[in-house]
C-alpha atoms as a PDB file:
ATOM      1  CA  MET A   1     -30.018   1.470   0.913  1.00  0.00           C
ATOM      2  CA  SER A   2     -28.859  -1.617  -1.323  1.00  0.00           C
ATOM      3  CA  VAL A   3     -26.480  -0.909  -4.243  1.00  0.00           C
ATOM      4  CA  PRO A   4     -26.651  -3.448  -6.570  1.00  0.00           C
ATOM      5  CA  ALA A   5     -22.987  -4.985  -6.743  1.00  0.00           C
ATOM      6  CA  PRO A   6     -22.035  -4.969 -10.899  1.00  0.00           C
ATOM      7  CA  TYR A   7     -21.170  -8.111 -12.050  1.00  0.00           C
ATOM      8  CA  VAL A   8     -17.477  -7.346 -13.054  1.00  0.00           C
ATOM      9  CA  ALA A   9     -16.823  -5.992  -9.859  1.00  0.00           C
ATOM     10  CA  ALA A  10     -14.229  -7.042  -7.587  1.00  0.00           C
ATOM     11  CA  VAL A  11     -14.210  -8.663  -4.123  1.00  0.00           C
ATOM     12  CA  SER A  12     -12.006  -8.131  -1.258  1.00  0.00           C
ATOM     13  CA  SER A  13     -11.961 -11.775  -0.140  1.00  0.00           C
ATOM     14  CA  ASP A  14     -11.013 -13.022  -3.682  1.00  0.00           C
ATOM     15  CA  LEU A  15      -7.258 -14.243  -3.086  1.00  0.00           C
ATOM     16  CA  ALA A  16      -5.003 -13.180  -6.342  1.00  0.00           C
ATOM     17  CA  PRO A  17      -2.228 -15.573  -7.190  1.00  0.00           C
ATOM     18  CA  LEU A  18       1.252 -15.414  -5.511  1.00  0.00           C
ATOM     19  CA  GLU A  19       4.438 -14.905  -6.897  1.00  0.00           C
ATOM     20  CA  THR A  20       5.403 -18.674  -5.853  1.00  0.00           C
ATOM     21  CA  ASP A  21       2.387 -19.902  -7.914  1.00  0.00           C
ATOM     22  CA  LEU A  22       4.473 -18.611 -11.071  1.00  0.00           C
ATOM     23  CA  CYS A  23       7.032 -20.730 -12.666  1.00  0.00           C
ATOM     24  CA  VAL A  24       9.107 -20.557 -15.768  1.00  0.00           C
ATOM     25  CA  GLU A  25       7.658 -22.575 -18.771  1.00  0.00           C
ATOM     26  CA  VAL A  26       9.975 -23.331 -21.589  1.00  0.00           C
ATOM     27  CA  PRO A  27       7.566 -24.333 -24.529  1.00  0.00           C
ATOM     28  CA  ARG A  28       8.726 -25.747 -28.062  1.00  0.00           C
ATOM     29  CA  ASN A  29       9.966 -22.592 -29.252  1.00  0.00           C
ATOM     30  CA  GLY A  30      12.427 -22.602 -26.653  1.00  0.00           C
ATOM     31  CA  VAL A  31      11.235 -19.306 -25.290  1.00  0.00           C
ATOM     32  CA  PRO A  32      10.782 -19.103 -21.333  1.00  0.00           C
ATOM     33  CA  ARG A  33       7.367 -17.823 -20.520  1.00  0.00           C
ATOM     34  CA  ILE A  34       5.320 -17.300 -17.282  1.00  0.00           C
ATOM     35  CA  ALA A  35       3.142 -19.957 -16.492  1.00  0.00           C
ATOM     36  CA  TYR A  36       0.840 -21.342 -13.456  1.00  0.00           C
ATOM     37  CA  VAL A  37       2.643 -24.105 -11.546  1.00  0.00           C
ATOM     38  CA  LYS A  38      -0.714 -25.956 -11.182  1.00  0.00           C
ATOM     39  CA  PRO A  39      -2.258 -24.631 -14.606  1.00  0.00           C
ATOM     40  CA  ARG A  40      -5.731 -24.776 -15.198  1.00  0.00           C
ATOM     41  CA  PRO A  41      -8.256 -24.653 -18.254  1.00  0.00           C
ATOM     42  CA  GLY A  42      -8.630 -21.278 -19.705  1.00  0.00           C
ATOM     43  CA  ASP A  43      -5.099 -19.851 -18.012  1.00  0.00           C
ATOM     44  CA  ARG A  44      -4.072 -19.019 -21.444  1.00  0.00           C
ATOM     45  CA  ASP A  45      -6.230 -16.890 -24.068  1.00  0.00           C
ATOM     46  CA  ALA A  46      -6.445 -17.196 -28.192  1.00  0.00           C
ATOM     47  CA  HIS A  47      -3.304 -15.195 -27.927  1.00  0.00           C
ATOM     48  CA  GLY A  48      -1.024 -17.064 -25.504  1.00  0.00           C
ATOM     49  CA  ASN A  49      -1.447 -14.344 -23.016  1.00  0.00           C
ATOM     50  CA  LEU A  50      -1.289 -15.802 -19.247  1.00  0.00           C
ATOM     51  CA  TRP A  51      -4.179 -14.273 -17.379  1.00  0.00           C
ATOM     52  CA  GLY A  52      -4.459 -13.344 -13.526  1.00  0.00           C
ATOM     53  CA  ARG A  53      -6.798 -15.712 -11.555  1.00  0.00           C
ATOM     54  CA  HIS A  54      -8.508 -15.512  -8.315  1.00  0.00           C
ATOM     55  CA  ASP A  55      -9.411 -18.305  -5.672  1.00  0.00           C
ATOM     56  CA  ARG A  56     -13.116 -17.419  -4.721  1.00  0.00           C
ATOM     57  CA  VAL A  57     -13.510 -16.841  -0.858  1.00  0.00           C
ATOM     58  CA  THR A  58     -16.988 -15.602   0.570  1.00  0.00           C
ATOM     59  CA  GLY A  59     -17.702 -13.311   3.122  1.00  0.00           C
ATOM     60  CA  GLY A  60     -15.719 -10.161   0.976  1.00  0.00           C
ATOM     61  CA  ARG A  61     -17.032  -6.757   0.327  1.00  0.00           C
ATOM     62  CA  VAL A  62     -17.584  -5.674  -3.059  1.00  0.00           C
ATOM     63  CA  LEU A  63     -14.858  -3.092  -4.564  1.00  0.00           C
ATOM     64  CA  PHE A  64     -16.924  -0.893  -6.651  1.00  0.00           C
ATOM     65  CA  GLY A  65     -13.653   0.925  -8.198  1.00  0.00           C
ATOM     66  CA  GLU A  66     -11.693  -2.380  -9.359  1.00  0.00           C
ATOM     67  CA  MET A  67     -12.528  -5.034 -11.757  1.00  0.00           C
ATOM     68  CA  ASP A  68     -12.334  -8.848 -11.350  1.00  0.00           C
ATOM     69  CA  ALA A  69     -10.052  -9.709 -13.809  1.00  0.00           C
ATOM     70  CA  GLU A  70     -11.655 -13.246 -15.011  1.00  0.00           C
ATOM     71  CA  ARG A  71     -15.014 -11.172 -15.387  1.00  0.00           C
ATOM     72  CA  GLN A  72     -13.631  -8.487 -17.005  1.00  0.00           C
ATOM     73  CA  ARG A  73     -12.340 -10.763 -19.679  1.00  0.00           C
ATOM     74  CA  GLU A  74     -15.164 -12.718 -20.061  1.00  0.00           C
ATOM     75  CA  CYS A  75     -17.786  -9.596 -20.357  1.00  0.00           C
ATOM     76  CA  MET A  76     -15.085  -7.910 -22.828  1.00  0.00           C
ATOM     77  CA  GLU A  77     -14.966 -11.276 -24.922  1.00  0.00           C
ATOM     78  CA  GLY A  78     -18.595 -12.230 -24.829  1.00  0.00           C
ATOM     79  CA  LEU A  79     -19.671  -8.696 -25.152  1.00  0.00           C
ATOM     80  CA  LEU A  80     -21.672  -9.057 -21.853  1.00  0.00           C
ATOM     81  CA  CYS A  81     -22.927  -6.106 -19.800  1.00  0.00           C
ATOM     82  CA  GLN A  82     -20.448  -5.290 -16.914  1.00  0.00           C
ATOM     83  CA  ILE A  83     -23.706  -4.792 -14.436  1.00  0.00           C
ATOM     84  CA  CYS A  84     -25.622  -7.798 -15.221  1.00  0.00           C
ATOM     85  CA  GLY A  85     -23.543 -10.215 -17.046  1.00  0.00           C
ATOM     86  CA  GLN A  86     -26.264 -10.622 -19.927  1.00  0.00           C
ATOM     87  CA  PRO A  87     -25.591 -10.022 -23.761  1.00  0.00           C
ATOM     88  CA  ALA A  88     -25.149  -5.920 -24.014  1.00  0.00           C
ATOM     89  CA  GLU A  89     -24.869  -6.388 -27.984  1.00  0.00           C
ATOM     90  CA  ARG A  90     -27.880  -5.092 -29.953  1.00  0.00           C
ATOM     91  CA  GLU A  91     -28.849  -4.865 -33.640  1.00  0.00           C
ATOM     92  CA  GLY A  92     -28.186  -1.164 -33.575  1.00  0.00           C
ATOM     93  CA  GLY A  93     -24.845  -1.200 -31.715  1.00  0.00           C
ATOM     94  CA  THR A  94     -23.418  -1.668 -28.214  1.00  0.00           C
ATOM     95  CA  LEU A  95     -23.295   0.635 -25.349  1.00  0.00           C
ATOM     96  CA  PHE A  96     -20.002   1.534 -23.522  1.00  0.00           C
ATOM     97  CA  PHE A  97     -18.959   4.480 -21.353  1.00  0.00           C
ATOM     98  CA  GLU A  98     -15.882   6.525 -21.584  1.00  0.00           C
ATOM     99  CA  TRP A  99     -14.313   9.259 -19.723  1.00  0.00           C
ATOM    100  CA  GLN A 100     -12.471  12.192 -20.811  1.00  0.00           C
ATOM    101  CA  ARG A 101      -9.353  12.055 -18.492  1.00  0.00           C
ATOM    102  CA  PRO A 102      -8.108  15.403 -17.367  1.00  0.00           C
ATOM    103  CA  ASP A 103      -4.647  14.765 -18.250  1.00  0.00           C
ATOM    104  CA  ALA A 104      -5.360  13.255 -21.567  1.00  0.00           C
ATOM    105  CA  PRO A 105      -5.718  14.849 -25.146  1.00  0.00           C
ATOM    106  CA  PRO A 106      -9.496  15.707 -26.255  1.00  0.00           C
ATOM    107  CA  MET A 107     -11.597  12.434 -26.633  1.00  0.00           C
ATOM    108  CA  GLN A 108     -11.199  11.338 -30.536  1.00  0.00           C
ATOM    109  CA  LEU A 109     -14.305   9.206 -31.476  1.00  0.00           C
ATOM    110  CA  ASN A 110     -12.454   6.998 -34.134  1.00  0.00           C
ATOM    111  CA  ARG A 111      -9.492   6.443 -31.716  1.00  0.00           C
ATOM    112  CA  ILE A 112     -10.777   5.005 -28.508  1.00  0.00           C
ATOM    113  CA  ARG A 113      -9.294   2.051 -26.969  1.00  0.00           C
ATOM    114  CA  THR A 114     -11.330   1.038 -23.999  1.00  0.00           C
ATOM    115  CA  ASP A 115     -10.816  -1.920 -21.132  1.00  0.00           C
ATOM    116  CA  MET A 116     -14.586  -0.806 -19.639  1.00  0.00           C
ATOM    117  CA  PRO A 117     -16.842  -3.689 -20.736  1.00  0.00           C
ATOM    118  CA  PRO A 118     -20.173  -2.553 -22.285  1.00  0.00           C
ATOM    119  CA  LEU A 119     -23.343  -2.321 -21.018  1.00  0.00           C
ATOM    120  CA  CYS A 120     -26.946  -3.172 -21.783  1.00  0.00           C
ATOM    121  CA  PRO A 121     -29.414  -0.406 -22.104  1.00  0.00           C
ATOM    122  CA  THR A 122     -31.601  -1.576 -18.993  1.00  0.00           C
ATOM    123  CA  CYS A 123     -28.338  -1.188 -16.864  1.00  0.00           C
ATOM    124  CA  VAL A 124     -27.428   2.403 -18.060  1.00  0.00           C
ATOM    125  CA  PRO A 125     -29.875   3.885 -15.848  1.00  0.00           C
ATOM    126  CA  VAL A 126     -28.843   2.020 -12.896  1.00  0.00           C
ATOM    127  CA  SER A 127     -25.230   2.886 -13.576  1.00  0.00           C
ATOM    128  CA  LEU A 128     -26.100   6.467 -13.775  1.00  0.00           C
ATOM    129  CA  ARG A 129     -27.747   6.157 -10.399  1.00  0.00           C
ATOM    130  CA  TYR A 130     -25.577   4.376  -8.229  1.00  0.00           C
ATOM    131  CA  CYS A 131     -22.148   4.763  -9.670  1.00  0.00           C
ATOM    132  CA  PRO A 132     -20.086   7.749  -8.332  1.00  0.00           C
ATOM    133  CA  HIS A 133     -17.627   8.032 -10.882  1.00  0.00           C
ATOM    134  CA  LEU A 134     -20.608   8.341 -13.285  1.00  0.00           C
ATOM    135  CA  ARG A 135     -22.809  10.384 -10.872  1.00  0.00           C
ATOM    136  CA  ASP A 136     -20.089  12.917  -9.813  1.00  0.00           C
ATOM    137  CA  SER A 137     -18.138  13.139 -13.147  1.00  0.00           C
ATOM    138  CA  PRO A 138     -19.145  15.357 -15.651  1.00  0.00           C
ATOM    139  CA  SER A 139     -16.674  14.101 -18.358  1.00  0.00           C
ATOM    140  CA  ALA A 140     -18.163  10.369 -18.758  1.00  0.00           C
ATOM    141  CA  VAL A 141     -19.575  10.283 -22.201  1.00  0.00           C
ATOM    142  CA  LEU A 142     -22.152   7.230 -23.172  1.00  0.00           C
ATOM    143  CA  LEU A 143     -21.487   5.939 -26.777  1.00  0.00           C
ATOM    144  CA  ARG A 144     -23.251   3.363 -29.219  1.00  0.00           C
ATOM    145  CA  VAL A 145     -20.676   1.523 -30.904  1.00  0.00           C
ATOM    146  CA  ARG A 146     -21.269  -0.034 -34.103  1.00  0.00           C
ATOM    147  CA  LYS A 147     -18.069  -2.549 -34.011  1.00  0.00           C
ATOM    148  CA  SER A 148     -15.523  -3.341 -31.472  1.00  0.00           C
ATOM    149  CA  ILE A 149     -12.324  -5.176 -31.920  1.00  0.00           C
ATOM    150  CA  PRO A 150     -10.228  -7.052 -29.452  1.00  0.00           C
ATOM    151  CA  CYS A 151      -7.129  -5.168 -29.539  1.00  0.00           C
ATOM    152  CA  GLY A 152      -4.739  -6.211 -26.729  1.00  0.00           C
ATOM    153  CA  VAL A 153      -4.380  -7.168 -23.176  1.00  0.00           C
ATOM    154  CA  GLY A 154      -2.999  -5.007 -20.003  1.00  0.00           C
ATOM    155  CA  GLY A 155      -1.412  -5.952 -16.841  1.00  0.00           C
ATOM    156  CA  THR A 156       2.081  -6.587 -15.277  1.00  0.00           C
ATOM    157  CA  ILE A 157       5.086  -7.637 -16.980  1.00  0.00           C
ATOM    158  CA  TYR A 158       7.484  -9.951 -15.102  1.00  0.00           C
ATOM    159  CA  GLN A 159      11.073 -10.608 -15.728  1.00  0.00           C
ATOM    160  CA  VAL A 160      12.792 -14.087 -15.460  1.00  0.00           C
ATOM    161  CA  SER A 161      15.236 -14.069 -12.664  1.00  0.00           C
ATOM    162  CA  PRO A 162      19.107 -14.644 -13.604  1.00  0.00           C
ATOM    163  CA  ASP A 163      18.815 -18.255 -12.060  1.00  0.00           C
ATOM    164  CA  MET A 164      15.649 -19.079 -14.319  1.00  0.00           C
ATOM    165  CA  ASN A 165      13.669 -20.171 -11.135  1.00  0.00           C
ATOM    166  CA  HIS A 166      11.067 -17.387 -10.586  1.00  0.00           C
ATOM    167  CA  TRP A 167       9.657 -13.922 -12.121  1.00  0.00           C
ATOM    168  CA  ILE A 168      10.251 -10.730 -10.674  1.00  0.00           C
ATOM    169  CA  PRO A 169       7.508  -7.788 -11.179  1.00  0.00           C
ATOM    170  CA  SER A 170       9.309  -5.199 -13.370  1.00  0.00           C
ATOM    171  CA  PHE A 171       6.228  -3.068 -15.030  1.00  0.00           C
ATOM    172  CA  ALA A 172       2.888  -2.381 -13.770  1.00  0.00           C
ATOM    173  CA  ASP A 173      -0.017  -1.097 -16.172  1.00  0.00           C
ATOM    174  CA  ALA A 174       1.536  -2.130 -19.326  1.00  0.00           C
ATOM    175  CA  TYR A 175      -0.382  -2.755 -22.825  1.00  0.00           C
ATOM    176  CA  SER A 176       0.476  -5.747 -25.129  1.00  0.00           C
ATOM    177  CA  SER A 177      -1.001  -5.571 -28.759  1.00  0.00           C
ATOM    178  CA  TYR A 178      -2.442  -8.172 -30.248  1.00  0.00           C
ATOM    179  CA  ASN A 179      -0.507  -6.948 -33.541  1.00  0.00           C
ATOM    180  CA  LYS A 180       2.726  -7.503 -32.079  1.00  0.00           C
ATOM    181  CA  PRO A 181       5.074 -10.204 -30.523  1.00  0.00           C
ATOM    182  CA  ARG A 182       3.113 -11.221 -27.355  1.00  0.00           C
ATOM    183  CA  HIS A 183       5.390 -10.666 -24.227  1.00  0.00           C
ATOM    184  CA  PRO A 184       6.439 -13.775 -22.494  1.00  0.00           C
ATOM    185  CA  GLY A 185       6.547 -12.159 -19.152  1.00  0.00           C
ATOM    186  CA  MET A 186       2.988 -10.586 -19.494  1.00  0.00           C
ATOM    187  CA  LEU A 187       0.252 -11.421 -16.449  1.00  0.00           C
ATOM    188  CA  ALA A 188      -2.743 -10.202 -17.897  1.00  0.00           C
ATOM    189  CA  VAL A 189      -5.477  -8.564 -15.765  1.00  0.00           C
ATOM    190  CA  ARG A 190      -7.785  -6.943 -18.215  1.00  0.00           C
ATOM    191  CA  MET A 191      -8.644  -6.933 -22.038  1.00  0.00           C
ATOM    192  CA  PHE A 192      -8.850  -4.231 -24.264  1.00  0.00           C
ATOM    193  CA  ARG A 193     -11.355  -3.315 -27.367  1.00  0.00           C
ATOM    194  CA  LYS A 194     -11.004  -0.330 -29.967  1.00  0.00           C
ATOM    195  CA  LEU A 195     -13.814   1.232 -30.829  1.00  0.00           C
ATOM    196  CA  ARG A 196     -15.235   1.964 -34.492  1.00  0.00           C
ATOM    197  CA  GLY A 197     -18.339   3.742 -35.911  1.00  0.00           C
ATOM    198  CA  VAL A 198     -18.871   5.325 -32.552  1.00  0.00           C
ATOM    199  CA  THR A 199     -21.412   8.067 -31.943  1.00  0.00           C
ATOM    200  CA  VAL A 200     -22.378   9.881 -28.593  1.00  0.00           C
ATOM    201  CA  VAL A 201     -25.781   9.042 -27.007  1.00  0.00           C
ATOM    202  CA  ALA A 202     -27.896  11.125 -24.779  1.00  0.00           C
ATOM    203  CA  PRO A 203     -28.769   8.167 -21.738  1.00  0.00           C
ATOM    204  CA  GLU A 204     -32.311   9.827 -21.606  1.00  0.00           C
ATOM    205  CA  CYS A 205     -32.970   8.935 -25.483  1.00  0.00           C
ATOM    206  CA  LEU A 206     -32.424   5.231 -24.689  1.00  0.00           C
ATOM    207  CA  ALA A 207     -35.411   3.311 -25.693  1.00  0.00           C
END
């Protein structure tokens, strides 16, 4: 059986940047920040965060449990469906899946922050059928969101070496809020939105 590949899914053959691809850049404010040796348009977002990138190599397998950093950013910035890559926003709100993690306090609908891109109504039943994380998890909840606000990025924080020549990874899975000063050593791999005006939706009730 052929399983549809989500637009946002990572591919095993794509090549992530090496530490040798990174350099120390000193902008006009004099604060050293992480940069690429060979910069490309779109490396940084509107907040100045440097984003992880991939060189596309054909022939790999789809990694259903991992997200491609560039496509995750694209979907979150444009509110595109993580499955088909088409606009997910509708007049009545935008659909997101969220999980109640076993080690987390009970979900508060007015305090959700997510890095999972939205879905269009057509792709919800496809996800429920094929995604094992949804199919086998009783804690997955479908949400209709009136408003979602970009709030920050997540990724790895690097520290500059004592000789100021290279970067050393120091903390993985860090979060950097847009409301606080940007971390100069952050290499972002996912974007977060905070959800407001949230209601729980039964998937079978979708038109």
